Protein backbone atom coordinates (compact mmCIF):
# COMPACT_ATOMS: atom_id res chain seq x y z
CA MET A 1 92.45 51.92 156.13
CA THR A 2 93.24 52.78 152.33
CA TRP A 3 91.69 56.43 151.01
CA MET A 4 89.12 54.68 148.86
CA GLU A 5 87.91 52.79 151.30
CA PHE A 6 87.61 55.89 153.90
CA GLY A 7 85.75 57.66 151.33
CA PHE A 8 83.18 54.53 151.12
CA PHE A 9 83.12 54.99 155.15
CA GLU A 10 82.72 58.71 154.94
CA HIS A 11 79.92 58.29 152.43
CA ALA A 12 77.82 55.74 154.56
CA LEU A 13 78.47 57.90 157.60
CA LEU A 14 76.86 60.41 155.98
CA LYS A 15 73.67 58.56 154.30
CA ALA A 16 73.16 57.19 158.13
CA LEU A 17 73.04 60.78 159.21
CA GLY A 18 70.36 61.63 157.06
CA THR A 19 73.07 64.65 155.51
CA LYS A 20 73.30 64.83 151.84
CA THR A 21 76.35 63.59 150.77
CA PRO A 22 79.17 65.74 149.36
CA THR A 23 79.43 65.85 145.71
CA ALA A 24 82.87 66.07 144.36
CA PRO A 25 83.96 69.19 142.51
CA LYS A 26 82.86 69.13 138.71
CA PRO A 27 85.88 70.00 136.91
CA ARG A 28 85.47 73.00 135.02
CA PRO A 29 84.95 73.55 131.79
CA LYS A 30 87.44 74.50 129.44
CA GLN A 31 87.48 78.07 129.23
CA SER A 32 88.47 80.11 126.30
CA ARG A 33 91.37 82.74 127.11
CA ASN A 34 90.46 86.28 126.21
CA GLY A 35 94.07 87.13 126.97
CA PRO A 36 97.15 87.13 125.07
CA SER A 37 98.41 84.09 123.38
CA ARG A 38 101.25 83.78 124.66
CA GLN A 39 100.50 84.50 129.01
CA GLY A 40 102.11 82.38 131.36
CA GLN A 41 104.46 80.93 128.84
CA PRO A 42 108.31 81.75 129.18
CA TRP A 43 110.09 84.25 127.19
CA LEU A 44 112.08 82.95 124.00
CA ALA A 45 115.11 84.91 122.69
CA LYS A 46 113.71 85.51 119.86
CA GLU A 47 110.95 87.06 121.00
CA GLU A 48 113.00 89.34 123.14
CA ALA A 49 115.14 90.26 120.00
CA VAL A 50 111.54 91.09 118.27
CA LEU A 51 110.99 93.23 121.89
CA ARG A 52 114.15 95.38 121.47
CA ASP A 53 113.79 96.19 117.97
CA LEU A 54 110.29 97.38 118.44
CA VAL A 55 111.28 99.38 121.52
CA GLN A 56 114.22 100.62 119.64
CA SER A 57 111.60 101.79 116.71
CA GLY A 58 109.58 103.58 119.11
CA HIS A 59 106.23 101.21 119.15
CA SER A 60 104.03 101.49 122.61
CA VAL A 61 103.70 99.09 125.12
CA ASP A 62 100.32 98.71 124.16
CA GLU A 63 101.66 97.64 120.43
CA ILE A 64 104.24 95.65 121.36
CA SER A 65 101.81 93.47 123.95
CA LYS A 66 99.84 92.87 121.29
CA ILE A 67 102.14 92.29 118.33
CA LEU A 68 104.04 89.63 121.33
CA GLY A 69 100.92 88.41 122.36
CA ARG A 70 101.56 88.92 126.08
CA THR A 71 100.18 91.11 128.61
CA PRO A 72 100.96 95.13 129.27
CA GLY A 73 102.78 94.70 132.54
CA ALA A 74 104.69 91.13 131.15
CA THR A 75 106.23 93.33 128.18
CA LYS A 76 106.77 96.50 131.32
CA SER A 77 108.67 93.79 133.05
CA ARG A 78 110.47 91.82 130.76
CA MET A 79 111.87 95.42 129.49
CA GLN A 80 112.90 96.35 132.74
CA ARG A 81 115.04 93.03 133.20
CA LEU A 82 116.27 93.91 129.44
CA SER A 83 117.58 97.41 130.44
CA LEU A 84 115.05 98.75 127.92
CA ARG A 85 113.35 101.95 128.10
CA GLN A 86 110.87 103.52 126.13
CA HIS A 87 111.39 107.00 124.70
CA THR A 88 108.69 109.97 125.26
CA GLU A 89 107.49 111.66 122.21
CA ALA A 90 109.72 114.46 122.09
CA LYS A 91 112.54 111.60 122.41
CA ARG A 92 111.15 109.86 119.72
CA ALA A 93 110.87 113.25 117.61
CA LYS A 94 114.54 114.06 118.23
CA LEU A 95 115.61 110.30 117.01
CA ALA A 96 113.38 110.78 114.16
CA LEU A 97 115.31 114.20 113.27
CA LYS A 98 118.40 112.63 113.65
CA ALA A 99 118.03 109.91 111.41
CA ALA A 100 116.47 112.12 109.28
CA LYS A 101 119.75 114.49 109.12
CA LYS A 102 121.60 111.22 108.78
CA ALA A 103 119.90 110.19 105.91
CA GLU A 104 120.57 113.32 104.08
CA LYS A 105 124.18 113.50 104.98
CA VAL A 106 124.07 110.47 103.03
CA ALA A 107 122.28 111.27 100.06
CA LYS A 108 124.58 114.31 99.79
CA ALA A 109 127.52 112.60 99.98
CA GLU A 110 126.53 110.15 97.79
CA LEU A 111 125.47 113.14 95.56
CA ALA A 112 128.64 114.72 95.97
CA GLN A 113 130.30 111.49 94.68
CA GLN A 114 128.38 111.15 91.66
CA GLN A 115 129.39 114.42 90.83
CA TRP A 116 132.93 113.82 91.24
CA GLU A 117 132.53 110.35 88.87
CA GLU A 118 130.70 112.48 86.16
CA ASN A 119 132.93 115.24 85.94
CA ARG A 120 136.29 113.69 87.14
CA SER A 121 138.34 114.15 83.41
CA LEU A 122 136.79 117.88 83.69
CA TYR A 123 138.26 118.31 86.74
CA LEU A 124 141.53 116.97 85.67
CA PHE A 125 141.72 119.29 82.64
CA ILE A 126 141.14 122.20 84.43
CA ALA A 127 143.72 121.53 87.20
CA ILE A 128 146.77 120.70 84.53
CA VAL A 129 145.50 123.87 82.23
CA LEU A 130 146.00 126.12 85.38
CA VAL A 131 149.57 124.02 86.19
CA VAL A 132 150.39 124.71 82.42
CA GLY A 133 149.33 128.35 82.59
CA PHE A 134 151.12 128.83 85.99
CA VAL A 135 154.57 127.47 84.43
CA ILE A 136 154.32 129.58 81.65
CA LEU A 137 153.93 133.04 83.44
CA SER A 138 156.23 132.05 85.88
CA CYS A 139 159.13 131.32 83.05
CA MET A 140 158.35 134.13 80.88
CA GLU A 141 160.02 137.64 82.03
CA ASP A 142 157.93 141.09 81.90
CA PRO A 143 159.58 143.62 79.96
CA SER A 144 158.47 146.07 81.94
CA GLU A 145 159.81 144.61 85.65
CA GLU A 146 163.33 144.95 83.85
CA SER A 147 163.43 148.67 83.53
CA ASN A 148 161.63 148.98 86.83
CA SER A 149 164.26 146.99 88.25
CA ALA A 150 166.70 149.21 86.28
CA GLU A 151 165.04 152.17 87.42
CA ARG A 152 165.28 150.99 90.96
CA GLN A 153 169.27 150.56 90.89
CA GLN A 154 169.53 154.33 89.82
CA GLU A 155 167.49 155.48 92.61
CA GLN A 156 169.94 153.61 94.83
CA THR A 157 172.71 154.80 93.36
CA ILE A 158 171.59 158.13 93.33
CA THR A 159 170.52 157.83 96.90
CA TYR A 160 173.88 156.25 97.43
CA ALA A 161 175.74 159.01 96.00
CA ASP A 162 173.95 161.67 97.66
CA LEU A 163 175.03 159.92 101.35
CA GLU A 164 178.64 159.45 99.80
CA GLU A 165 178.30 163.76 98.84
CA ALA A 166 176.85 164.46 102.66
CA ARG A 167 179.15 162.37 103.97
CA THR A 168 182.46 163.33 102.50
CA GLY A 169 181.18 166.83 101.33
CA LEU A 170 182.37 166.01 97.47
CA PRO A 171 180.60 165.25 94.54
CA LEU A 172 179.91 161.21 93.71
CA VAL A 173 180.01 160.54 89.95
CA VAL A 174 177.64 158.08 88.85
CA THR A 175 177.69 156.63 85.35
CA PRO A 176 174.35 154.67 84.45
CA ALA A 177 174.68 151.07 83.80
CA PRO A 178 174.37 149.87 80.03
């Protein structure tokens, strides 16, 4: 007996017994899903990349779920599978501050580079003037230093003469240098 025949036999038996024949289940009308559009579908690599970017930029799970068309549970599950952690408000603030400081540092470096480029010839001129001035000063002899040098020699000679006189007991005659 085939299934078709069995169904006919069952229908006839139920009719003879006077009971109502069971009706076949009616197909459900297609319901419009109010849920997310990608619910139940496999994750695409492109969606995972967008998920990573959104998590790193600090979006909430609800925001990410709406953007990706997934349920919050599916979003959290995929975040765990990809080892992504959502940042707390304090962490987000800290990351924002760090990003702002980095941007400020980059801006300062760019400004310093721009100022260097604008004033490079001035800096070079100042350096040349300083070097030339140092060379000129080191080549010049100061006459006051020469006299100081002669006086120092004479003082040393006198001191030496005093020592000799003290050692020998005879006066030492000192003639000044020309």
